[in-house]
Amino acid sequence: MHLFALLLQSQADPEAVKQALGVMLAIIPIVIIVGLTIILVPFWFICKKAGFSPWLTLLNILPFGGLILVYVLAFAEWKVVPAPQQGWQQPMYPPQPPYPPQA
């Protein structure tokens, strides 16, 4: 961006300035779409797994909407049932015999 400002301040060829502006106008929407995709896709899956409507993800497009969504997810009651624990279970050992009497 600084290079573009420097280009505008100097006595550059107007055609070169128009070409640079055209390139920037073509690249900036692509960068915005990629950035939104990086933010929206994980929030979509988080909302879906938490039992909320995945369309709440679109709050991220609004200013401070992502902050609102984070607070909704943090403090709302999730409508999911916890998964049963299917890990290693400690084996049941038989009771130990008492110690012999000490004299």
PDB file of N, CA and C in Angstrom:
ATOM      1  N   MET A   1       0.814  -1.173   0.000  1.00  0.00           N
ATOM      2  CA  MET A   1       0.000   0.000   0.000  1.00  0.00           C
ATOM      3  C   MET A   1       0.869   1.251   0.000  1.00  0.00           C
ATOM      4  N   HIS A   2       1.969   1.210   0.729  1.00  0.00           N
ATOM      5  CA  HIS A   2       2.880   2.350   0.755  1.00  0.00           C
ATOM      6  C   HIS A   2       3.501   2.571  -0.623  1.00  0.00           C
ATOM      7  N   LEU A   3       3.767   1.487  -1.308  1.00  0.00           N
ATOM      8  CA  LEU A   3       4.329   1.606  -2.646  1.00  0.00           C
ATOM      9  C   LEU A   3       3.343   2.289  -3.579  1.00  0.00           C
ATOM     10  N   PHE A   4       2.064   1.959  -3.409  1.00  0.00           N
ATOM     11  CA  PHE A   4       1.048   2.591  -4.245  1.00  0.00           C
ATOM     12  C   PHE A   4       0.937   4.084  -3.948  1.00  0.00           C
ATOM     13  N   ALA A   5       1.007   4.464  -2.665  1.00  0.00           N
ATOM     14  CA  ALA A   5       0.961   5.881  -2.295  1.00  0.00           C
ATOM     15  C   ALA A   5       2.185   6.611  -2.855  1.00  0.00           C
ATOM     16  N   LEU A   6       3.328   5.968  -2.794  1.00  0.00           N
ATOM     17  CA  LEU A   6       4.543   6.564  -3.349  1.00  0.00           C
ATOM     18  C   LEU A   6       4.416   6.727  -4.859  1.00  0.00           C
ATOM     19  N   LEU A   7       3.789   5.741  -5.491  1.00  0.00           N
ATOM     20  CA  LEU A   7       3.589   5.795  -6.930  1.00  0.00           C
ATOM     21  C   LEU A   7       2.669   6.955  -7.302  1.00  0.00           C
ATOM     22  N   LEU A   8       1.653   7.209  -6.485  1.00  0.00           N
ATOM     23  CA  LEU A   8       0.741   8.317  -6.764  1.00  0.00           C
ATOM     24  C   LEU A   8       1.393   9.673  -6.531  1.00  0.00           C
ATOM     25  N   GLN A   9       2.306   9.754  -5.554  1.00  0.00           N
ATOM     26  CA  GLN A   9       2.950  11.025  -5.254  1.00  0.00           C
ATOM     27  C   GLN A   9       4.005  11.392  -6.287  1.00  0.00           C
ATOM     28  N   SER A  10       4.651  10.420  -6.840  1.00  0.00           N
ATOM     29  CA  SER A  10       5.688  10.716  -7.824  1.00  0.00           C
ATOM     30  C   SER A  10       5.039  11.093  -9.158  1.00  0.00           C
ATOM     31  N   GLN A  11       5.836  11.599 -10.023  1.00  0.00           N
ATOM     32  CA  GLN A  11       5.343  11.984 -11.343  1.00  0.00           C
ATOM     33  C   GLN A  11       5.394  10.767 -12.253  1.00  0.00           C
ATOM     34  N   ALA A  12       4.575   9.772 -11.928  1.00  0.00           N
ATOM     35  CA  ALA A  12       4.582   8.525 -12.698  1.00  0.00           C
ATOM     36  C   ALA A  12       3.624   8.633 -13.890  1.00  0.00           C
ATOM     37  N   ASP A  13       3.756   7.697 -14.750  1.00  0.00           N
ATOM     38  CA  ASP A  13       2.901   7.615 -15.920  1.00  0.00           C
ATOM     39  C   ASP A  13       1.467   7.304 -15.476  1.00  0.00           C
ATOM     40  N   PRO A  14       0.493   8.070 -15.911  1.00  0.00           N
ATOM     41  CA  PRO A  14      -0.899   7.821 -15.496  1.00  0.00           C
ATOM     42  C   PRO A  14      -1.402   6.428 -15.900  1.00  0.00           C
ATOM     43  N   GLU A  15      -0.895   5.912 -16.980  1.00  0.00           N
ATOM     44  CA  GLU A  15      -1.311   4.569 -17.403  1.00  0.00           C
ATOM     45  C   GLU A  15      -0.800   3.507 -16.432  1.00  0.00           C
ATOM     46  N   ALA A  16       0.404   3.705 -15.910  1.00  0.00           N
ATOM     47  CA  ALA A  16       0.947   2.753 -14.942  1.00  0.00           C
ATOM     48  C   ALA A  16       0.154   2.797 -13.640  1.00  0.00           C
ATOM     49  N   VAL A  17      -0.274   3.998 -13.268  1.00  0.00           N
ATOM     50  CA  VAL A  17      -1.090   4.136 -12.053  1.00  0.00           C
ATOM     51  C   VAL A  17      -2.433   3.443 -12.246  1.00  0.00           C
ATOM     52  N   LYS A  18      -3.060   3.621 -13.404  1.00  0.00           N
ATOM     53  CA  LYS A  18      -4.336   2.959 -13.689  1.00  0.00           C
ATOM     54  C   LYS A  18      -4.171   1.435 -13.683  1.00  0.00           C
ATOM     55  N   GLN A  19      -3.071   0.959 -14.224  1.00  0.00           N
ATOM     56  CA  GLN A  19      -2.832  -0.485 -14.261  1.00  0.00           C
ATOM     57  C   GLN A  19      -2.624  -1.029 -12.849  1.00  0.00           C
ATOM     58  N   ALA A  20      -1.864  -0.318 -12.013  1.00  0.00           N
ATOM     59  CA  ALA A  20      -1.647  -0.756 -10.628  1.00  0.00           C
ATOM     60  C   ALA A  20      -2.953  -0.747  -9.849  1.00  0.00           C
ATOM     61  N   LEU A  21      -3.778   0.280 -10.076  1.00  0.00           N
ATOM     62  CA  LEU A  21      -5.064   0.349  -9.402  1.00  0.00           C
ATOM     63  C   LEU A  21      -5.974  -0.789  -9.852  1.00  0.00           C
ATOM     64  N   GLY A  22      -5.943  -1.116 -11.129  1.00  0.00           N
ATOM     65  CA  GLY A  22      -6.741  -2.237 -11.647  1.00  0.00           C
ATOM     66  C   GLY A  22      -6.329  -3.564 -11.040  1.00  0.00           C
ATOM     67  N   VAL A  23      -5.030  -3.757 -10.882  1.00  0.00           N
ATOM     68  CA  VAL A  23      -4.541  -4.996 -10.273  1.00  0.00           C
ATOM     69  C   VAL A  23      -4.978  -5.082  -8.812  1.00  0.00           C
ATOM     70  N   MET A  24      -4.881  -3.952  -8.098  1.00  0.00           N
ATOM     71  CA  MET A  24      -5.287  -3.946  -6.693  1.00  0.00           C
ATOM     72  C   MET A  24      -6.782  -4.204  -6.552  1.00  0.00           C
ATOM     73  N   LEU A  25      -7.586  -3.618  -7.432  1.00  0.00           N
ATOM     74  CA  LEU A  25      -9.029  -3.826  -7.367  1.00  0.00           C
ATOM     75  C   LEU A  25      -9.412  -5.263  -7.720  1.00  0.00           C
ATOM     76  N   ALA A  26      -8.564  -5.959  -8.428  1.00  0.00           N
ATOM     77  CA  ALA A  26      -8.842  -7.363  -8.741  1.00  0.00           C
ATOM     78  C   ALA A  26      -8.395  -8.284  -7.607  1.00  0.00           C
ATOM     79  N   ILE A  27      -7.328  -7.923  -6.900  1.00  0.00           N
ATOM     80  CA  ILE A  27      -6.771  -8.798  -5.870  1.00  0.00           C
ATOM     81  C   ILE A  27      -7.484  -8.640  -4.526  1.00  0.00           C
ATOM     82  N   ILE A  28      -7.878  -7.430  -4.169  1.00  0.00           N
ATOM     83  CA  ILE A  28      -8.460  -7.188  -2.841  1.00  0.00           C
ATOM     84  C   ILE A  28      -9.731  -8.008  -2.605  1.00  0.00           C
ATOM     85  N   PRO A  29     -10.699  -8.109  -3.532  1.00  0.00           N
ATOM     86  CA  PRO A  29     -11.873  -8.962  -3.262  1.00  0.00           C
ATOM     87  C   PRO A  29     -11.519 -10.432  -3.061  1.00  0.00           C
ATOM     88  N   ILE A  30     -10.517 -10.913  -3.773  1.00  0.00           N
ATOM     89  CA  ILE A  30     -10.092 -12.305  -3.606  1.00  0.00           C
ATOM     90  C   ILE A  30      -9.523 -12.514  -2.210  1.00  0.00           C
ATOM     91  N   VAL A  31      -8.726 -11.564  -1.741  1.00  0.00           N
ATOM     92  CA  VAL A  31      -8.156 -11.665  -0.394  1.00  0.00           C
ATOM     93  C   VAL A  31      -9.263 -11.624   0.662  1.00  0.00           C
ATOM     94  N   ILE A  32     -10.261 -10.794   0.466  1.00  0.00           N
ATOM     95  CA  ILE A  32     -11.377 -10.709   1.411  1.00  0.00           C
ATOM     96  C   ILE A  32     -12.168 -12.015   1.438  1.00  0.00           C
ATOM     97  N   ILE A  33     -12.435 -12.598   0.286  1.00  0.00           N
ATOM     98  CA  ILE A  33     -13.184 -13.859   0.230  1.00  0.00           C
ATOM     99  C   ILE A  33     -12.400 -14.980   0.893  1.00  0.00           C
ATOM    100  N   VAL A  34     -11.105 -15.051   0.648  1.00  0.00           N
ATOM    101  CA  VAL A  34     -10.281 -16.083   1.286  1.00  0.00           C
ATOM    102  C   VAL A  34     -10.251 -15.891   2.804  1.00  0.00           C
ATOM    103  N   GLY A  35     -10.112 -14.649   3.252  1.00  0.00           N
ATOM    104  CA  GLY A  35     -10.109 -14.368   4.688  1.00  0.00           C
ATOM    105  C   GLY A  35     -11.426 -14.743   5.348  1.00  0.00           C
ATOM    106  N   LEU A  36     -12.541 -14.404   4.717  1.00  0.00           N
ATOM    107  CA  LEU A  36     -13.842 -14.779   5.272  1.00  0.00           C
ATOM    108  C   LEU A  36     -14.022 -16.291   5.311  1.00  0.00           C
ATOM    109  N   THR A  37     -13.539 -16.964   4.292  1.00  0.00           N
ATOM    110  CA  THR A  37     -13.653 -18.422   4.271  1.00  0.00           C
ATOM    111  C   THR A  37     -12.850 -19.044   5.411  1.00  0.00           C
ATOM    112  N   ILE A  38     -11.666 -18.510   5.676  1.00  0.00           N
ATOM    113  CA  ILE A  38     -10.840 -19.035   6.763  1.00  0.00           C
ATOM    114  C   ILE A  38     -11.541 -18.862   8.102  1.00  0.00           C
ATOM    115  N   ILE A  39     -12.322 -17.814   8.274  1.00  0.00           N
ATOM    116  CA  ILE A  39     -13.035 -17.560   9.527  1.00  0.00           C
ATOM    117  C   ILE A  39     -14.362 -18.317   9.575  1.00  0.00           C
ATOM    118  N   LEU A  40     -15.116 -18.327   8.478  1.00  0.00           N
ATOM    119  CA  LEU A  40     -16.475 -18.849   8.509  1.00  0.00           C
ATOM    120  C   LEU A  40     -16.550 -20.374   8.586  1.00  0.00           C
ATOM    121  N   VAL A  41     -15.676 -21.074   7.908  1.00  0.00           N
ATOM    122  CA  VAL A  41     -15.766 -22.543   7.881  1.00  0.00           C
ATOM    123  C   VAL A  41     -15.597 -23.162   9.273  1.00  0.00           C
ATOM    124  N   PRO A  42     -14.585 -22.787  10.067  1.00  0.00           N
ATOM    125  CA  PRO A  42     -14.502 -23.382  11.411  1.00  0.00           C
ATOM    126  C   PRO A  42     -15.690 -23.020  12.300  1.00  0.00           C
ATOM    127  N   PHE A  43     -16.163 -21.772  12.230  1.00  0.00           N
ATOM    128  CA  PHE A  43     -17.312 -21.386  13.040  1.00  0.00           C
ATOM    129  C   PHE A  43     -18.568 -22.147  12.618  1.00  0.00           C
ATOM    130  N   TRP A  44     -18.688 -22.453  11.334  1.00  0.00           N
ATOM    131  CA  TRP A  44     -19.834 -23.230  10.834  1.00  0.00           C
ATOM    132  C   TRP A  44     -19.862 -24.599  11.519  1.00  0.00           C
ATOM    133  N   PHE A  45     -18.711 -25.277  11.553  1.00  0.00           N
ATOM    134  CA  PHE A  45     -18.654 -26.605  12.169  1.00  0.00           C
ATOM    135  C   PHE A  45     -18.815 -26.535  13.685  1.00  0.00           C
ATOM    136  N   ILE A  46     -18.275 -25.482  14.316  1.00  0.00           N
ATOM    137  CA  ILE A  46     -18.430 -25.333  15.768  1.00  0.00           C
ATOM    138  C   ILE A  46     -19.900 -25.145  16.121  1.00  0.00           C
ATOM    139  N   CYS A  47     -20.599 -24.293  15.398  1.00  0.00           N
ATOM    140  CA  CYS A  47     -22.019 -24.073  15.676  1.00  0.00           C
ATOM    141  C   CYS A  47     -22.828 -25.347  15.446  1.00  0.00           C
ATOM    142  N   LYS A  48     -22.498 -26.078  14.399  1.00  0.00           N
ATOM    143  CA  LYS A  48     -23.223 -27.309  14.099  1.00  0.00           C
ATOM    144  C   LYS A  48     -23.001 -28.351  15.192  1.00  0.00           C
ATOM    145  N   LYS A  49     -21.768 -28.503  15.661  1.00  0.00           N
ATOM    146  CA  LYS A  49     -21.465 -29.477  16.701  1.00  0.00           C
ATOM    147  C   LYS A  49     -22.016 -29.071  18.058  1.00  0.00           C
ATOM    148  N   ALA A  50     -22.187 -27.765  18.278  1.00  0.00           N
ATOM    149  CA  ALA A  50     -22.714 -27.278  19.556  1.00  0.00           C
ATOM    150  C   ALA A  50     -24.231 -27.341  19.602  1.00  0.00           C
ATOM    151  N   GLY A  51     -24.871 -27.683  18.502  1.00  0.00           N
ATOM    152  CA  GLY A  51     -26.317 -27.790  18.475  1.00  0.00           C
ATOM    153  C   GLY A  51     -27.015 -26.502  18.087  1.00  0.00           C
ATOM    154  N   PHE A  52     -26.276 -25.517  17.624  1.00  0.00           N
ATOM    155  CA  PHE A  52     -26.857 -24.260  17.170  1.00  0.00           C
ATOM    156  C   PHE A  52     -27.016 -24.299  15.655  1.00  0.00           C
ATOM    157  N   SER A  53     -27.774 -23.337  15.140  1.00  0.00           N
ATOM    158  CA  SER A  53     -27.904 -23.223  13.694  1.00  0.00           C
ATOM    159  C   SER A  53     -26.567 -22.770  13.115  1.00  0.00           C
ATOM    160  N   PRO A  54     -26.073 -23.469  12.107  1.00  0.00           N
ATOM    161  CA  PRO A  54     -24.796 -23.043  11.510  1.00  0.00           C
ATOM    162  C   PRO A  54     -24.879 -21.669  10.849  1.00  0.00           C
ATOM    163  N   TRP A  55     -26.094 -21.194  10.581  1.00  0.00           N
ATOM    164  CA  TRP A  55     -26.249 -19.887   9.952  1.00  0.00           C
ATOM    165  C   TRP A  55     -25.860 -18.754  10.892  1.00  0.00           C
ATOM    166  N   LEU A  56     -25.687 -19.044  12.189  1.00  0.00           N
ATOM    167  CA  LEU A  56     -25.178 -18.028  13.109  1.00  0.00           C
ATOM    168  C   LEU A  56     -23.767 -17.586  12.731  1.00  0.00           C
ATOM    169  N   THR A  57     -23.104 -18.409  11.952  1.00  0.00           N
ATOM    170  CA  THR A  57     -21.753 -18.096  11.497  1.00  0.00           C
ATOM    171  C   THR A  57     -21.706 -16.784  10.718  1.00  0.00           C
ATOM    172  N   LEU A  58     -22.795 -16.460  10.057  1.00  0.00           N
ATOM    173  CA  LEU A  58     -22.820 -15.244   9.243  1.00  0.00           C
ATOM    174  C   LEU A  58     -22.737 -13.979  10.083  1.00  0.00           C
ATOM    175  N   LEU A  59     -22.858 -14.096  11.409  1.00  0.00           N
ATOM    176  CA  LEU A  59     -22.630 -12.939  12.278  1.00  0.00           C
ATOM    177  C   LEU A  59     -21.198 -12.421  12.140  1.00  0.00           C
ATOM    178  N   ASN A  60     -20.275 -13.289  11.740  1.00  0.00           N
ATOM    179  CA  ASN A  60     -18.876 -12.886  11.591  1.00  0.00           C
ATOM    180  C   ASN A  60     -18.684 -11.831  10.504  1.00  0.00           C
ATOM    181  N   ILE A  61     -19.634 -11.711   9.605  1.00  0.00           N
ATOM    182  CA  ILE A  61     -19.513 -10.726   8.531  1.00  0.00           C
ATOM    183  C   ILE A  61     -19.748  -9.319   9.076  1.00  0.00           C
ATOM    184  N   LEU A  62     -20.589  -9.198  10.106  1.00  0.00           N
ATOM    185  CA  LEU A  62     -20.893  -7.894  10.697  1.00  0.00           C
ATOM    186  C   LEU A  62     -19.747  -7.418  11.582  1.00  0.00           C
ATOM    187  N   PRO A  63     -19.612  -6.106  11.735  1.00  0.00           N
ATOM    188  CA  PRO A  63     -18.611  -5.614  12.692  1.00  0.00           C
ATOM    189  C   PRO A  63     -18.976  -6.062  14.106  1.00  0.00           C
ATOM    190  N   PHE A  64     -18.032  -6.578  14.830  1.00  0.00           N
ATOM    191  CA  PHE A  64     -18.186  -7.132  16.176  1.00  0.00           C
ATOM    192  C   PHE A  64     -19.108  -8.351  16.206  1.00  0.00           C
ATOM    193  N   GLY A  65     -19.526  -8.856  15.069  1.00  0.00           N
ATOM    194  CA  GLY A  65     -20.387 -10.038  15.029  1.00  0.00           C
ATOM    195  C   GLY A  65     -19.662 -11.287  15.501  1.00  0.00           C
ATOM    196  N   GLY A  66     -18.379 -11.391  15.176  1.00  0.00           N
ATOM    197  CA  GLY A  66     -17.598 -12.537  15.645  1.00  0.00           C
ATOM    198  C   GLY A  66     -17.474 -12.545  17.159  1.00  0.00           C
ATOM    199  N   LEU A  67     -17.321 -11.366  17.744  1.00  0.00           N
ATOM    200  CA  LEU A  67     -17.254 -11.265  19.202  1.00  0.00           C
ATOM    201  C   LEU A  67     -18.583 -11.664  19.829  1.00  0.00           C
ATOM    202  N   ILE A  68     -19.682 -11.251  19.231  1.00  0.00           N
ATOM    203  CA  ILE A  68     -21.006 -11.637  19.722  1.00  0.00           C
ATOM    204  C   ILE A  68     -21.172 -13.151  19.641  1.00  0.00           C
ATOM    205  N   LEU A  69     -20.755 -13.751  18.529  1.00  0.00           N
ATOM    206  CA  LEU A  69     -20.885 -15.195  18.362  1.00  0.00           C
ATOM    207  C   LEU A  69     -20.044 -15.950  19.378  1.00  0.00           C
ATOM    208  N   VAL A  70     -18.853 -15.480  19.652  1.00  0.00           N
ATOM    209  CA  VAL A  70     -18.003 -16.136  20.649  1.00  0.00           C
ATOM    210  C   VAL A  70     -18.684 -16.111  22.017  1.00  0.00           C
ATOM    211  N   TYR A  71     -19.288 -14.979  22.382  1.00  0.00           N
ATOM    212  CA  TYR A  71     -19.978 -14.897  23.670  1.00  0.00           C
ATOM    213  C   TYR A  71     -21.220 -15.786  23.694  1.00  0.00           C
ATOM    214  N   VAL A  72     -21.943 -15.868  22.584  1.00  0.00           N
ATOM    215  CA  VAL A  72     -23.104 -16.760  22.524  1.00  0.00           C
ATOM    216  C   VAL A  72     -22.661 -18.200  22.726  1.00  0.00           C
ATOM    217  N   LEU A  73     -21.594 -18.596  22.053  1.00  0.00           N
ATOM    218  CA  LEU A  73     -21.109 -19.973  22.193  1.00  0.00           C
ATOM    219  C   LEU A  73     -20.559 -20.254  23.590  1.00  0.00           C
ATOM    220  N   ALA A  74     -19.948 -19.260  24.201  1.00  0.00           N
ATOM    221  CA  ALA A  74     -19.320 -19.478  25.501  1.00  0.00           C
ATOM    222  C   ALA A  74     -20.343 -19.587  26.624  1.00  0.00           C
ATOM    223  N   PHE A  75     -21.395 -18.807  26.586  1.00  0.00           N
ATOM    224  CA  PHE A  75     -22.297 -18.738  27.726  1.00  0.00           C
ATOM    225  C   PHE A  75     -23.659 -19.380  27.505  1.00  0.00           C
ATOM    226  N   ALA A  76     -23.941 -19.901  26.336  1.00  0.00           N
ATOM    227  CA  ALA A  76     -25.221 -20.548  26.077  1.00  0.00           C
ATOM    228  C   ALA A  76     -25.158 -22.011  26.510  1.00  0.00           C
ATOM    229  N   GLU A  77     -26.332 -22.572  26.744  1.00  0.00           N
ATOM    230  CA  GLU A  77     -26.438 -23.990  27.082  1.00  0.00           C
ATOM    231  C   GLU A  77     -26.379 -24.784  25.777  1.00  0.00           C
ATOM    232  N   TRP A  78     -25.379 -25.639  25.653  1.00  0.00           N
ATOM    233  CA  TRP A  78     -25.231 -26.427  24.430  1.00  0.00           C
ATOM    234  C   TRP A  78     -26.226 -27.561  24.448  1.00  0.00           C
ATOM    235  N   LYS A  79     -26.833 -27.835  23.313  1.00  0.00           N
ATOM    236  CA  LYS A  79     -27.871 -28.849  23.211  1.00  0.00           C
ATOM    237  C   LYS A  79     -27.312 -30.183  22.724  1.00  0.00           C
ATOM    238  N   VAL A  80     -26.211 -30.590  23.249  1.00  0.00           N
ATOM    239  CA  VAL A  80     -25.609 -31.852  22.836  1.00  0.00           C
ATOM    240  C   VAL A  80     -25.500 -32.770  24.040  1.00  0.00           C
ATOM    241  N   VAL A  81     -25.520 -34.062  23.764  1.00  0.00           N
ATOM    242  CA  VAL A  81     -25.361 -35.065  24.809  1.00  0.00           C
ATOM    243  C   VAL A  81     -23.893 -35.462  24.833  1.00  0.00           C
ATOM    244  N   PRO A  82     -23.271 -35.492  26.017  1.00  0.00           N
ATOM    245  CA  PRO A  82     -21.861 -35.882  26.053  1.00  0.00           C
ATOM    246  C   PRO A  82     -21.665 -37.312  25.547  1.00  0.00           C
ATOM    247  N   ALA A  83     -20.606 -37.519  24.843  1.00  0.00           N
ATOM    248  CA  ALA A  83     -20.292 -38.842  24.314  1.00  0.00           C
ATOM    249  C   ALA A  83     -19.867 -39.746  25.458  1.00  0.00           C
ATOM    250  N   PRO A  84     -20.253 -41.026  25.394  1.00  0.00           N
ATOM    251  CA  PRO A  84     -19.813 -41.938  26.451  1.00  0.00           C
ATOM    252  C   PRO A  84     -18.305 -42.128  26.405  1.00  0.00           C
ATOM    253  N   GLN A  85     -17.726 -42.301  27.575  1.00  0.00           N
ATOM    254  CA  GLN A  85     -16.281 -42.507  27.669  1.00  0.00           C
ATOM    255  C   GLN A  85     -15.941 -43.914  27.196  1.00  0.00           C
ATOM    256  N   GLN A  86     -15.126 -44.013  26.169  1.00  0.00           N
ATOM    257  CA  GLN A  86     -14.726 -45.308  25.651  1.00  0.00           C
ATOM    258  C   GLN A  86     -13.214 -45.407  25.642  1.00  0.00           C
ATOM    259  N   GLY A  87     -12.661 -45.193  26.747  1.00  0.00           N
ATOM    260  CA  GLY A  87     -11.210 -45.247  26.844  1.00  0.00           C
ATOM    261  C   GLY A  87     -10.778 -46.463  27.651  1.00  0.00           C
ATOM    262  N   TRP A  88      -9.568 -46.440  28.095  1.00  0.00           N
ATOM    263  CA  TRP A  88      -9.020 -47.517  28.900  1.00  0.00           C
ATOM    264  C   TRP A  88      -9.642 -47.457  30.275  1.00  0.00           C
ATOM    265  N   GLN A  89     -10.134 -48.586  30.749  1.00  0.00           N
ATOM    266  CA  GLN A  89     -10.718 -48.637  32.081  1.00  0.00           C
ATOM    267  C   GLN A  89      -9.764 -49.393  32.995  1.00  0.00           C
ATOM    268  N   GLN A  90      -9.636 -48.900  34.195  1.00  0.00           N
ATOM    269  CA  GLN A  90      -8.733 -49.534  35.151  1.00  0.00           C
ATOM    270  C   GLN A  90      -9.298 -50.904  35.527  1.00  0.00           C
ATOM    271  N   PRO A  91      -8.464 -51.967  35.449  1.00  0.00           N
ATOM    272  CA  PRO A  91      -8.975 -53.299  35.773  1.00  0.00           C
ATOM    273  C   PRO A  91      -9.303 -53.393  37.264  1.00  0.00           C
ATOM    274  N   MET A  92     -10.284 -54.226  37.545  1.00  0.00           N
ATOM    275  CA  MET A  92     -10.679 -54.444  38.932  1.00  0.00           C
ATOM    276  C   MET A  92      -9.762 -55.513  39.526  1.00  0.00           C
ATOM    277  N   TYR A  93      -8.981 -55.138  40.525  1.00  0.00           N
ATOM    278  CA  TYR A  93      -8.096 -56.075  41.188  1.00  0.00           C
ATOM    279  C   TYR A  93      -8.837 -56.708  42.358  1.00  0.00           C
ATOM    280  N   PRO A  94      -8.527 -57.995  42.669  1.00  0.00           N
ATOM    281  CA  PRO A  94      -9.159 -58.608  43.845  1.00  0.00           C
ATOM    282  C   PRO A  94      -8.643 -57.922  45.105  1.00  0.00           C
ATOM    283  N   PRO A  95      -9.415 -57.966  46.187  1.00  0.00           N
ATOM    284  CA  PRO A  95      -8.959 -57.309  47.427  1.00  0.00           C
ATOM    285  C   PRO A  95      -7.682 -57.947  47.924  1.00  0.00           C
ATOM    286  N   GLN A  96      -6.825 -57.132  48.480  1.00  0.00           N
ATOM    287  CA  GLN A  96      -5.547 -57.612  49.008  1.00  0.00           C
ATOM    288  C   GLN A  96      -5.769 -58.283  50.359  1.00  0.00           C
ATOM    289  N   PRO A  97      -5.036 -59.386  50.624  1.00  0.00           N
ATOM    290  CA  PRO A  97      -5.166 -60.022  51.931  1.00  0.00           C
ATOM    291  C   PRO A  97      -4.575 -59.110  52.996  1.00  0.00           C
ATOM    292  N   PRO A  98      -5.043 -59.248  54.231  1.00  0.00           N
ATOM    293  CA  PRO A  98      -4.533 -58.390  55.294  1.00  0.00           C
ATOM    294  C   PRO A  98      -3.068 -58.712  55.563  1.00  0.00           C
ATOM    295  N   TYR A  99      -2.363 -57.710  56.099  1.00  0.00           N
ATOM    296  CA  TYR A  99      -0.963 -57.910  56.455  1.00  0.00           C
ATOM    297  C   TYR A  99      -0.869 -58.879  57.649  1.00  0.00           C
ATOM    298  N   PRO A 100       0.214 -59.680  57.692  1.00  0.00           N
ATOM    299  CA  PRO A 100       0.371 -60.562  58.875  1.00  0.00           C
ATOM    300  C   PRO A 100       0.636 -59.725  60.113  1.00  0.00           C
ATOM    301  N   PRO A 101       0.280 -60.244  61.295  1.00  0.00           N
ATOM    302  CA  PRO A 101       0.500 -59.463  62.509  1.00  0.00           C
ATOM    303  C   PRO A 101       1.975 -59.187  62.734  1.00  0.00           C
ATOM    304  N   GLN A 102       2.270 -58.003  63.160  1.00  0.00           N
ATOM    305  CA  GLN A 102       3.645 -57.595  63.453  1.00  0.00           C
ATOM    306  C   GLN A 102       3.906 -57.746  64.955  1.00  0.00           C
ATOM    307  N   ALA A 103       5.047 -58.317  65.293  1.00  0.00           N
ATOM    308  CA  ALA A 103       5.353 -58.483  66.712  1.00  0.00           C
ATOM    309  C   ALA A 103       6.364 -57.509  67.192  1.00  0.00           C
TER     310      ALA A 103
END
